N, C-alpha and C. Protein backbone atom coordinates (compact mmCIF):
# COMPACT_ATOMS: atom_id res chain seq x y z
N MET A 1 8.73 14.32 11.79
CA MET A 1 9.38 14.48 10.51
C MET A 1 10.09 13.18 10.11
N ALA A 2 10.71 12.53 11.06
CA ALA A 2 11.40 11.27 10.75
C ALA A 2 10.40 10.21 10.29
N GLN A 3 9.23 10.21 10.91
CA GLN A 3 8.20 9.23 10.54
C GLN A 3 7.74 9.47 9.10
N ALA A 4 7.56 10.72 8.70
CA ALA A 4 7.16 11.02 7.33
C ALA A 4 8.22 10.55 6.34
N GLY A 5 9.49 10.73 6.69
CA GLY A 5 10.57 10.26 5.82
C GLY A 5 10.59 8.75 5.71
N LEU A 6 10.36 8.08 6.83
CA LEU A 6 10.34 6.62 6.83
C LEU A 6 9.24 6.08 5.93
N TYR A 7 8.01 6.54 6.17
CA TYR A 7 6.89 6.03 5.39
C TYR A 7 6.90 6.56 3.96
N GLY A 8 7.46 7.73 3.76
CA GLY A 8 7.58 8.28 2.41
C GLY A 8 8.47 7.45 1.51
N SER A 9 9.41 6.73 2.09
CA SER A 9 10.27 5.87 1.27
C SER A 9 9.67 4.48 1.08
N ILE A 10 8.77 4.09 1.96
CA ILE A 10 8.14 2.77 1.85
C ILE A 10 7.10 2.75 0.74
N LEU A 11 6.32 3.79 0.62
CA LEU A 11 5.23 3.81 -0.35
C LEU A 11 5.70 3.60 -1.79
N PRO A 12 6.71 4.33 -2.28
CA PRO A 12 7.16 4.09 -3.65
C PRO A 12 7.73 2.67 -3.84
N ALA A 13 8.42 2.17 -2.84
CA ALA A 13 8.98 0.82 -2.95
C ALA A 13 7.87 -0.23 -3.03
N ALA A 14 6.86 -0.08 -2.19
CA ALA A 14 5.76 -1.04 -2.20
C ALA A 14 4.99 -0.95 -3.52
N TRP A 15 4.77 0.26 -4.00
CA TRP A 15 4.06 0.44 -5.27
C TRP A 15 4.84 -0.23 -6.41
N SER A 16 6.14 -0.03 -6.45
CA SER A 16 6.97 -0.67 -7.50
C SER A 16 6.90 -2.18 -7.38
N PHE A 17 6.94 -2.70 -6.16
CA PHE A 17 6.82 -4.14 -5.94
C PHE A 17 5.48 -4.65 -6.48
N MET A 18 4.41 -3.92 -6.19
CA MET A 18 3.08 -4.32 -6.65
C MET A 18 2.99 -4.33 -8.18
N LEU A 19 3.59 -3.33 -8.83
CA LEU A 19 3.60 -3.28 -10.29
C LEU A 19 4.42 -4.43 -10.88
N ALA A 20 5.55 -4.73 -10.26
CA ALA A 20 6.39 -5.83 -10.72
C ALA A 20 5.65 -7.16 -10.60
N LEU A 21 4.91 -7.34 -9.52
CA LEU A 21 4.12 -8.56 -9.37
C LEU A 21 3.10 -8.68 -10.49
N ARG A 22 2.41 -7.60 -10.77
CA ARG A 22 1.38 -7.62 -11.82
C ARG A 22 1.96 -8.03 -13.16
N SER A 23 3.16 -7.55 -13.47
CA SER A 23 3.78 -7.89 -14.76
C SER A 23 4.18 -9.36 -14.84
N ARG A 24 4.19 -10.03 -13.70
CA ARG A 24 4.55 -11.45 -13.66
C ARG A 24 3.33 -12.35 -13.38
N GLY A 25 2.14 -11.78 -13.51
CA GLY A 25 0.93 -12.57 -13.31
C GLY A 25 0.54 -12.79 -11.87
N LEU A 26 1.10 -11.99 -10.98
CA LEU A 26 0.79 -12.09 -9.56
C LEU A 26 0.04 -10.84 -9.12
N GLY A 27 -0.68 -10.95 -8.04
CA GLY A 27 -1.40 -9.81 -7.51
C GLY A 27 -1.17 -9.68 -6.01
N THR A 28 -1.49 -8.51 -5.48
CA THR A 28 -1.36 -8.26 -4.05
C THR A 28 -2.34 -7.18 -3.64
N ALA A 29 -2.47 -6.97 -2.37
CA ALA A 29 -3.30 -5.90 -1.83
C ALA A 29 -2.60 -5.33 -0.60
N TRP A 30 -2.49 -4.02 -0.54
CA TRP A 30 -1.86 -3.34 0.59
C TRP A 30 -2.79 -3.44 1.79
N THR A 31 -2.29 -3.88 2.90
CA THR A 31 -3.10 -3.89 4.12
C THR A 31 -2.24 -3.50 5.31
N THR A 32 -2.86 -2.84 6.26
CA THR A 32 -2.20 -2.50 7.52
C THR A 32 -2.98 -3.04 8.70
N LEU A 33 -4.02 -3.80 8.43
CA LEU A 33 -4.87 -4.31 9.51
C LEU A 33 -4.10 -5.18 10.50
N HIS A 34 -3.05 -5.82 10.03
CA HIS A 34 -2.27 -6.69 10.91
C HIS A 34 -1.50 -5.92 11.98
N LEU A 35 -1.31 -4.62 11.79
CA LEU A 35 -0.49 -3.85 12.73
C LEU A 35 -1.09 -3.79 14.13
N ARG A 36 -2.38 -4.02 14.22
CA ARG A 36 -3.01 -4.08 15.55
C ARG A 36 -2.42 -5.24 16.36
N TYR A 37 -1.93 -6.26 15.66
CA TYR A 37 -1.34 -7.44 16.29
C TYR A 37 0.12 -7.59 15.86
N GLU A 38 0.82 -6.48 15.80
CA GLU A 38 2.18 -6.44 15.27
C GLU A 38 3.12 -7.45 15.94
N GLU A 39 3.09 -7.56 17.25
CA GLU A 39 3.99 -8.48 17.95
C GLU A 39 3.68 -9.93 17.61
N GLU A 40 2.40 -10.28 17.58
CA GLU A 40 2.01 -11.65 17.24
C GLU A 40 2.39 -11.99 15.81
N ILE A 41 2.17 -11.05 14.89
CA ILE A 41 2.53 -11.28 13.49
C ILE A 41 4.03 -11.43 13.35
N ALA A 42 4.79 -10.63 14.07
CA ALA A 42 6.25 -10.72 14.02
C ALA A 42 6.71 -12.11 14.46
N ARG A 43 6.12 -12.62 15.53
CA ARG A 43 6.49 -13.98 15.98
C ARG A 43 6.10 -15.02 14.94
N LEU A 44 4.90 -14.90 14.39
CA LEU A 44 4.40 -15.86 13.41
C LEU A 44 5.26 -15.90 12.16
N LEU A 45 5.69 -14.73 11.68
CA LEU A 45 6.46 -14.64 10.44
C LEU A 45 7.97 -14.59 10.66
N GLY A 46 8.40 -14.59 11.91
CA GLY A 46 9.83 -14.56 12.20
C GLY A 46 10.48 -13.22 11.92
N ILE A 47 9.72 -12.14 12.08
CA ILE A 47 10.25 -10.80 11.84
C ILE A 47 10.98 -10.33 13.10
N PRO A 48 12.25 -9.94 12.98
CA PRO A 48 13.00 -9.49 14.16
C PRO A 48 12.36 -8.27 14.82
N ALA A 49 12.56 -8.12 16.10
CA ALA A 49 11.96 -7.03 16.88
C ALA A 49 12.44 -5.65 16.43
N ASN A 50 13.62 -5.55 15.82
CA ASN A 50 14.13 -4.25 15.40
C ASN A 50 13.66 -3.84 14.01
N ILE A 51 12.74 -4.58 13.41
CA ILE A 51 12.20 -4.26 12.09
C ILE A 51 10.83 -3.58 12.26
N THR A 52 10.66 -2.44 11.60
CA THR A 52 9.40 -1.71 11.64
C THR A 52 8.46 -2.26 10.57
N GLN A 53 7.30 -2.72 11.00
CA GLN A 53 6.29 -3.18 10.05
C GLN A 53 5.46 -1.98 9.61
N ALA A 54 5.27 -1.86 8.32
CA ALA A 54 4.49 -0.74 7.79
C ALA A 54 3.29 -1.21 6.98
N ALA A 55 3.42 -2.36 6.36
CA ALA A 55 2.33 -2.89 5.52
C ALA A 55 2.55 -4.38 5.36
N LEU A 56 1.47 -5.05 5.01
CA LEU A 56 1.54 -6.47 4.70
C LEU A 56 1.03 -6.61 3.27
N LEU A 57 1.82 -7.23 2.42
CA LEU A 57 1.47 -7.39 1.01
C LEU A 57 1.38 -8.88 0.68
N PRO A 58 0.22 -9.50 0.90
CA PRO A 58 0.08 -10.91 0.54
C PRO A 58 0.18 -11.05 -0.98
N VAL A 59 0.86 -12.08 -1.44
CA VAL A 59 1.10 -12.27 -2.88
C VAL A 59 0.50 -13.59 -3.33
N ALA A 60 -0.17 -13.55 -4.48
CA ALA A 60 -0.77 -14.77 -5.02
C ALA A 60 -1.00 -14.61 -6.52
N TYR A 61 -1.14 -15.73 -7.20
CA TYR A 61 -1.55 -15.67 -8.60
C TYR A 61 -3.01 -15.27 -8.63
N TYR A 62 -3.38 -14.41 -9.56
CA TYR A 62 -4.78 -14.02 -9.67
C TYR A 62 -5.45 -14.85 -10.76
N THR A 63 -6.75 -14.90 -10.70
CA THR A 63 -7.50 -15.64 -11.71
C THR A 63 -8.28 -14.65 -12.55
N GLY A 64 -8.44 -14.97 -13.78
CA GLY A 64 -9.21 -14.11 -14.67
C GLY A 64 -8.34 -13.06 -15.33
N GLU A 65 -8.93 -12.38 -16.28
CA GLU A 65 -8.23 -11.33 -17.03
C GLU A 65 -9.09 -10.07 -17.10
N ASP A 66 -9.95 -9.88 -16.13
CA ASP A 66 -10.91 -8.80 -16.21
C ASP A 66 -10.56 -7.59 -15.35
N PHE A 67 -9.28 -7.27 -15.26
CA PHE A 67 -8.89 -6.07 -14.53
C PHE A 67 -9.45 -4.85 -15.25
N GLN A 68 -9.96 -3.90 -14.48
CA GLN A 68 -10.52 -2.68 -15.03
C GLN A 68 -10.09 -1.52 -14.15
N PRO A 69 -10.05 -0.31 -14.71
CA PRO A 69 -9.76 0.84 -13.86
C PRO A 69 -10.84 0.97 -12.78
N ALA A 70 -10.43 1.38 -11.60
CA ALA A 70 -11.37 1.57 -10.50
C ALA A 70 -12.24 2.79 -10.77
N ARG A 71 -13.46 2.76 -10.29
CA ARG A 71 -14.32 3.93 -10.38
C ARG A 71 -13.79 4.98 -9.41
N ARG A 72 -13.67 6.21 -9.87
CA ARG A 72 -13.12 7.27 -9.05
C ARG A 72 -14.02 8.50 -9.09
N LEU A 73 -14.00 9.26 -8.01
CA LEU A 73 -14.70 10.54 -7.97
C LEU A 73 -13.96 11.53 -8.87
N PRO A 74 -14.64 12.55 -9.37
CA PRO A 74 -13.95 13.59 -10.13
C PRO A 74 -12.85 14.23 -9.28
N VAL A 75 -11.74 14.56 -9.91
CA VAL A 75 -10.59 15.08 -9.18
C VAL A 75 -10.93 16.32 -8.37
N ALA A 76 -11.83 17.16 -8.85
CA ALA A 76 -12.20 18.38 -8.13
C ALA A 76 -12.88 18.08 -6.79
N GLN A 77 -13.44 16.90 -6.63
CA GLN A 77 -14.08 16.53 -5.37
C GLN A 77 -13.10 16.01 -4.32
N VAL A 78 -11.90 15.65 -4.73
CA VAL A 78 -10.95 15.05 -3.79
C VAL A 78 -9.62 15.79 -3.71
N SER A 79 -9.51 16.94 -4.37
CA SER A 79 -8.25 17.68 -4.33
C SER A 79 -8.52 19.17 -4.12
N SER A 80 -7.48 19.89 -3.77
CA SER A 80 -7.56 21.34 -3.59
C SER A 80 -6.45 22.01 -4.37
N TRP A 81 -6.65 23.30 -4.70
CA TRP A 81 -5.66 24.05 -5.47
C TRP A 81 -5.42 25.38 -4.76
N ASN A 82 -4.21 25.59 -4.30
CA ASN A 82 -3.77 26.81 -3.62
C ASN A 82 -4.36 27.00 -2.22
N GLN A 83 -5.53 26.50 -1.94
CA GLN A 83 -6.09 26.56 -0.60
C GLN A 83 -7.07 25.41 -0.41
N TRP A 84 -7.26 25.03 0.84
CA TRP A 84 -8.15 23.91 1.17
C TRP A 84 -9.56 24.17 0.65
N GLY A 85 -10.14 23.21 -0.01
CA GLY A 85 -11.51 23.30 -0.47
C GLY A 85 -11.70 23.94 -1.83
N ASP A 86 -10.62 24.39 -2.45
CA ASP A 86 -10.71 25.03 -3.77
C ASP A 86 -10.33 24.00 -4.84
N GLY A 87 -11.20 23.05 -5.09
CA GLY A 87 -10.92 22.01 -6.08
C GLY A 87 -11.34 22.46 -7.46
N ARG A 88 -10.36 22.70 -8.30
CA ARG A 88 -10.65 23.14 -9.67
C ARG A 88 -10.46 21.99 -10.63
């Protein structure tokens, strides 16, 4: 339960950070691949041992102006209503 609370507070903060970057002409991508090497990354970036790493958000200026909505499956294929598998 504590873990859900911890990560539940990180997601909205990271999303807000990502939106703020976009409004300033910067872009980022959420990644957790670095967590496999968490100790090495902590040493490389100077992150103290008592800090929990949850995501890495590299930041850079993006090129181009061709952002488009991502292609998505219909909501009924990826959600349920009242019971598992009942996607309306």
